[in-house]
């Protein structure tokens, strides 16, 4: 897990996944999407 945060990429070799799904997201991309979702959450 810490290797992922240090490198901003997944620890595994993502080449096969990139062929199908495009480049792996960076840690910043993932956290940005997460915080965007938190901002759109509706609380009663």
PDB file of N, CA and C in Angstrom:
ATOM      1  N   UNK A   1       0.818  -1.189   0.000  1.00  0.00           N
ATOM      2  CA  UNK A   1       0.000   0.000   0.000  1.00  0.00           C
ATOM      3  C   UNK A   1       0.865   1.255   0.000  1.00  0.00           C
ATOM      4  N   UNK A   2       1.906   1.287   0.830  1.00  0.00           N
ATOM      5  CA  UNK A   2       2.750   2.469   0.890  1.00  0.00           C
ATOM      6  C   UNK A   2       3.529   2.656  -0.403  1.00  0.00           C
ATOM      7  N   UNK A   3       3.872   1.559  -1.076  1.00  0.00           N
ATOM      8  CA  UNK A   3       4.550   1.674  -2.367  1.00  0.00           C
ATOM      9  C   UNK A   3       3.652   2.379  -3.376  1.00  0.00           C
ATOM     10  N   UNK A   4       2.361   2.120  -3.287  1.00  0.00           N
ATOM     11  CA  UNK A   4       1.409   2.759  -4.195  1.00  0.00           C
ATOM     12  C   UNK A   4       1.376   4.262  -3.948  1.00  0.00           C
ATOM     13  N   UNK A   5       1.331   4.678  -2.689  1.00  0.00           N
ATOM     14  CA  UNK A   5       1.302   6.104  -2.389  1.00  0.00           C
ATOM     15  C   UNK A   5       2.610   6.779  -2.780  1.00  0.00           C
ATOM     16  N   UNK A   6       3.730   6.104  -2.586  1.00  0.00           N
ATOM     17  CA  UNK A   6       5.020   6.692  -2.945  1.00  0.00           C
ATOM     18  C   UNK A   6       5.162   6.892  -4.448  1.00  0.00           C
ATOM     19  N   UNK A   7       4.639   5.950  -5.230  1.00  0.00           N
ATOM     20  CA  UNK A   7       4.835   6.005  -6.672  1.00  0.00           C
ATOM     21  C   UNK A   7       3.655   6.616  -7.420  1.00  0.00           C
ATOM     22  N   UNK A   8       2.514   6.770  -6.778  1.00  0.00           N
ATOM     23  CA  UNK A   8       1.272   7.256  -7.406  1.00  0.00           C
ATOM     24  C   UNK A   8       0.764   6.285  -8.467  1.00  0.00           C
ATOM     25  N   UNK A   9       1.225   5.050  -8.441  1.00  0.00           N
ATOM     26  CA  UNK A   9       0.770   4.027  -9.378  1.00  0.00           C
ATOM     27  C   UNK A   9       0.551   2.741  -8.611  1.00  0.00           C
ATOM     28  N   UNK A  10      -0.220   1.861  -9.204  1.00  0.00           N
ATOM     29  CA  UNK A  10      -0.431   0.559  -8.574  1.00  0.00           C
ATOM     30  C   UNK A  10       0.873  -0.217  -8.538  1.00  0.00           C
ATOM     31  N   UNK A  11       1.018  -1.089  -7.542  1.00  0.00           N
ATOM     32  CA  UNK A  11       2.253  -1.848  -7.360  1.00  0.00           C
ATOM     33  C   UNK A  11       2.401  -2.919  -8.431  1.00  0.00           C
ATOM     34  N   UNK A  12       1.305  -3.509  -8.869  1.00  0.00           N
ATOM     35  CA  UNK A  12       1.377  -4.558  -9.872  1.00  0.00           C
ATOM     36  C   UNK A  12       1.691  -3.969 -11.237  1.00  0.00           C
ATOM     37  N   UNK A  13       2.052  -4.811 -12.149  1.00  0.00           N
ATOM     38  CA  UNK A  13       2.361  -4.389 -13.519  1.00  0.00           C
ATOM     39  C   UNK A  13       1.046  -4.188 -14.279  1.00  0.00           C
ATOM     40  N   UNK A  14       0.674  -2.954 -14.596  1.00  0.00           N
ATOM     41  CA  UNK A  14      -0.639  -2.671 -15.177  1.00  0.00           C
ATOM     42  C   UNK A  14      -0.692  -2.737 -16.708  1.00  0.00           C
ATOM     43  N   UNK A  15       0.345  -3.278 -17.367  1.00  0.00           N
ATOM     44  CA  UNK A  15       0.376  -3.220 -18.838  1.00  0.00           C
ATOM     45  C   UNK A  15      -0.817  -3.901 -19.495  1.00  0.00           C
ATOM     46  N   UNK A  16      -1.207  -5.075 -19.016  1.00  0.00           N
ATOM     47  CA  UNK A  16      -2.352  -5.765 -19.641  1.00  0.00           C
ATOM     48  C   UNK A  16      -3.649  -5.005 -19.393  1.00  0.00           C
ATOM     49  N   UNK A  17      -3.793  -4.461 -18.210  1.00  0.00           N
ATOM     50  CA  UNK A  17      -4.987  -3.668 -17.918  1.00  0.00           C
ATOM     51  C   UNK A  17      -5.019  -2.406 -18.769  1.00  0.00           C
ATOM     52  N   UNK A  18      -3.859  -1.787 -18.977  1.00  0.00           N
ATOM     53  CA  UNK A  18      -3.799  -0.575 -19.794  1.00  0.00           C
ATOM     54  C   UNK A  18      -4.205  -0.858 -21.237  1.00  0.00           C
ATOM     55  N   UNK A  19      -3.928  -2.047 -21.729  1.00  0.00           N
ATOM     56  CA  UNK A  19      -4.324  -2.400 -23.091  1.00  0.00           C
ATOM     57  C   UNK A  19      -5.838  -2.394 -23.233  1.00  0.00           C
ATOM     58  N   UNK A  20      -6.541  -2.766 -22.205  1.00  0.00           N
ATOM     59  CA  UNK A  20      -8.008  -2.841 -22.265  1.00  0.00           C
ATOM     60  C   UNK A  20      -8.708  -1.596 -21.742  1.00  0.00           C
ATOM     61  N   UNK A  21      -8.196  -1.044 -20.635  1.00  0.00           N
ATOM     62  CA  UNK A  21      -8.923   0.010 -19.928  1.00  0.00           C
ATOM     63  C   UNK A  21      -8.249   1.370 -19.949  1.00  0.00           C
ATOM     64  N   UNK A  22      -7.087   1.488 -20.570  1.00  0.00           N
ATOM     65  CA  UNK A  22      -6.366   2.754 -20.539  1.00  0.00           C
ATOM     66  C   UNK A  22      -5.423   2.805 -19.344  1.00  0.00           C
ATOM     67  N   UNK A  23      -4.726   3.916 -19.186  1.00  0.00           N
ATOM     68  CA  UNK A  23      -3.733   4.007 -18.119  1.00  0.00           C
ATOM     69  C   UNK A  23      -4.357   3.921 -16.723  1.00  0.00           C
ATOM     70  N   UNK A  24      -3.594   3.345 -15.819  1.00  0.00           N
ATOM     71  CA  UNK A  24      -4.051   3.232 -14.429  1.00  0.00           C
ATOM     72  C   UNK A  24      -4.091   4.623 -13.811  1.00  0.00           C
ATOM     73  N   UNK A  25      -5.094   4.896 -12.978  1.00  0.00           N
ATOM     74  CA  UNK A  25      -5.175   6.219 -12.356  1.00  0.00           C
ATOM     75  C   UNK A  25      -4.083   6.409 -11.312  1.00  0.00           C
ATOM     76  N   UNK A  26      -3.698   7.650 -11.120  1.00  0.00           N
ATOM     77  CA  UNK A  26      -2.724   7.962 -10.074  1.00  0.00           C
ATOM     78  C   UNK A  26      -3.459   8.072  -8.746  1.00  0.00           C
ATOM     79  N   UNK A  27      -2.710   8.131  -7.663  1.00  0.00           N
ATOM     80  CA  UNK A  27      -3.314   8.303  -6.341  1.00  0.00           C
ATOM     81  C   UNK A  27      -4.097   9.608  -6.297  1.00  0.00           C
ATOM     82  N   UNK A  28      -3.562  10.649  -6.927  1.00  0.00           N
ATOM     83  CA  UNK A  28      -4.248  11.940  -6.933  1.00  0.00           C
ATOM     84  C   UNK A  28      -5.590  11.858  -7.654  1.00  0.00           C
ATOM     85  N   UNK A  29      -5.634  11.116  -8.768  1.00  0.00           N
ATOM     86  CA  UNK A  29      -6.896  10.944  -9.496  1.00  0.00           C
ATOM     87  C   UNK A  29      -7.936  10.231  -8.634  1.00  0.00           C
ATOM     88  N   UNK A  30      -7.518   9.153  -7.995  1.00  0.00           N
ATOM     89  CA  UNK A  30      -8.443   8.391  -7.162  1.00  0.00           C
ATOM     90  C   UNK A  30      -8.964   9.200  -5.983  1.00  0.00           C
ATOM     91  N   UNK A  31      -8.077   9.920  -5.320  1.00  0.00           N
ATOM     92  CA  UNK A  31      -8.508  10.733  -4.182  1.00  0.00           C
ATOM     93  C   UNK A  31      -9.381  11.894  -4.633  1.00  0.00           C
ATOM     94  N   UNK A  32      -9.078  12.458  -5.798  1.00  0.00           N
ATOM     95  CA  UNK A  32      -9.899  13.535  -6.330  1.00  0.00           C
ATOM     96  C   UNK A  32     -11.314  13.069  -6.627  1.00  0.00           C
ATOM     97  N   UNK A  33     -11.442  11.909  -7.245  1.00  0.00           N
ATOM     98  CA  UNK A  33     -12.781  11.361  -7.523  1.00  0.00           C
ATOM     99  C   UNK A  33     -13.529  11.064  -6.225  1.00  0.00           C
ATOM    100  N   UNK A  34     -12.806  10.534  -5.244  1.00  0.00           N
ATOM    101  CA  UNK A  34     -13.432  10.217  -3.955  1.00  0.00           C
ATOM    102  C   UNK A  34     -13.952  11.481  -3.273  1.00  0.00           C
ATOM    103  N   UNK A  35     -13.143  12.523  -3.238  1.00  0.00           N
ATOM    104  CA  UNK A  35     -13.594  13.752  -2.588  1.00  0.00           C
ATOM    105  C   UNK A  35     -14.719  14.410  -3.375  1.00  0.00           C
ATOM    106  N   UNK A  36     -14.716  14.282  -4.697  1.00  0.00           N
ATOM    107  CA  UNK A  36     -15.836  14.791  -5.496  1.00  0.00           C
ATOM    108  C   UNK A  36     -17.122  14.066  -5.120  1.00  0.00           C
ATOM    109  N   UNK A  37     -17.035  12.751  -4.944  1.00  0.00           N
ATOM    110  CA  UNK A  37     -18.217  11.973  -4.557  1.00  0.00           C
ATOM    111  C   UNK A  37     -18.703  12.376  -3.172  1.00  0.00           C
ATOM    112  N   UNK A  38     -17.781  12.654  -2.259  1.00  0.00           N
ATOM    113  CA  UNK A  38     -18.181  13.091  -0.918  1.00  0.00           C
ATOM    114  C   UNK A  38     -18.913  14.425  -0.987  1.00  0.00           C
ATOM    115  N   UNK A  39     -18.465  15.296  -1.862  1.00  0.00           N
ATOM    116  CA  UNK A  39     -19.101  16.594  -2.001  1.00  0.00           C
ATOM    117  C   UNK A  39     -20.495  16.502  -2.586  1.00  0.00           C
ATOM    118  N   UNK A  40     -20.765  15.466  -3.378  1.00  0.00           N
ATOM    119  CA  UNK A  40     -22.072  15.303  -3.996  1.00  0.00           C
ATOM    120  C   UNK A  40     -23.026  14.466  -3.137  1.00  0.00           C
ATOM    121  N   UNK A  41     -22.529  13.912  -2.031  1.00  0.00           N
ATOM    122  CA  UNK A  41     -23.378  13.083  -1.173  1.00  0.00           C
ATOM    123  C   UNK A  41     -24.465  13.942  -0.541  1.00  0.00           C
ATOM    124  N   UNK A  42     -25.649  13.400  -0.514  1.00  0.00           N
ATOM    125  CA  UNK A  42     -26.769  14.117   0.090  1.00  0.00           C
ATOM    126  C   UNK A  42     -27.043  13.524   1.469  1.00  0.00           C
ATOM    127  N   UNK A  43     -27.023  14.389   2.464  1.00  0.00           N
ATOM    128  CA  UNK A  43     -27.268  13.958   3.837  1.00  0.00           C
ATOM    129  C   UNK A  43     -28.652  14.427   4.268  1.00  0.00           C
ATOM    130  N   UNK A  44     -29.402  13.567   4.918  1.00  0.00           N
ATOM    131  CA  UNK A  44     -30.752  13.971   5.363  1.00  0.00           C
ATOM    132  C   UNK A  44     -30.714  14.988   6.485  1.00  0.00           C
TER     133      UNK A  44
END
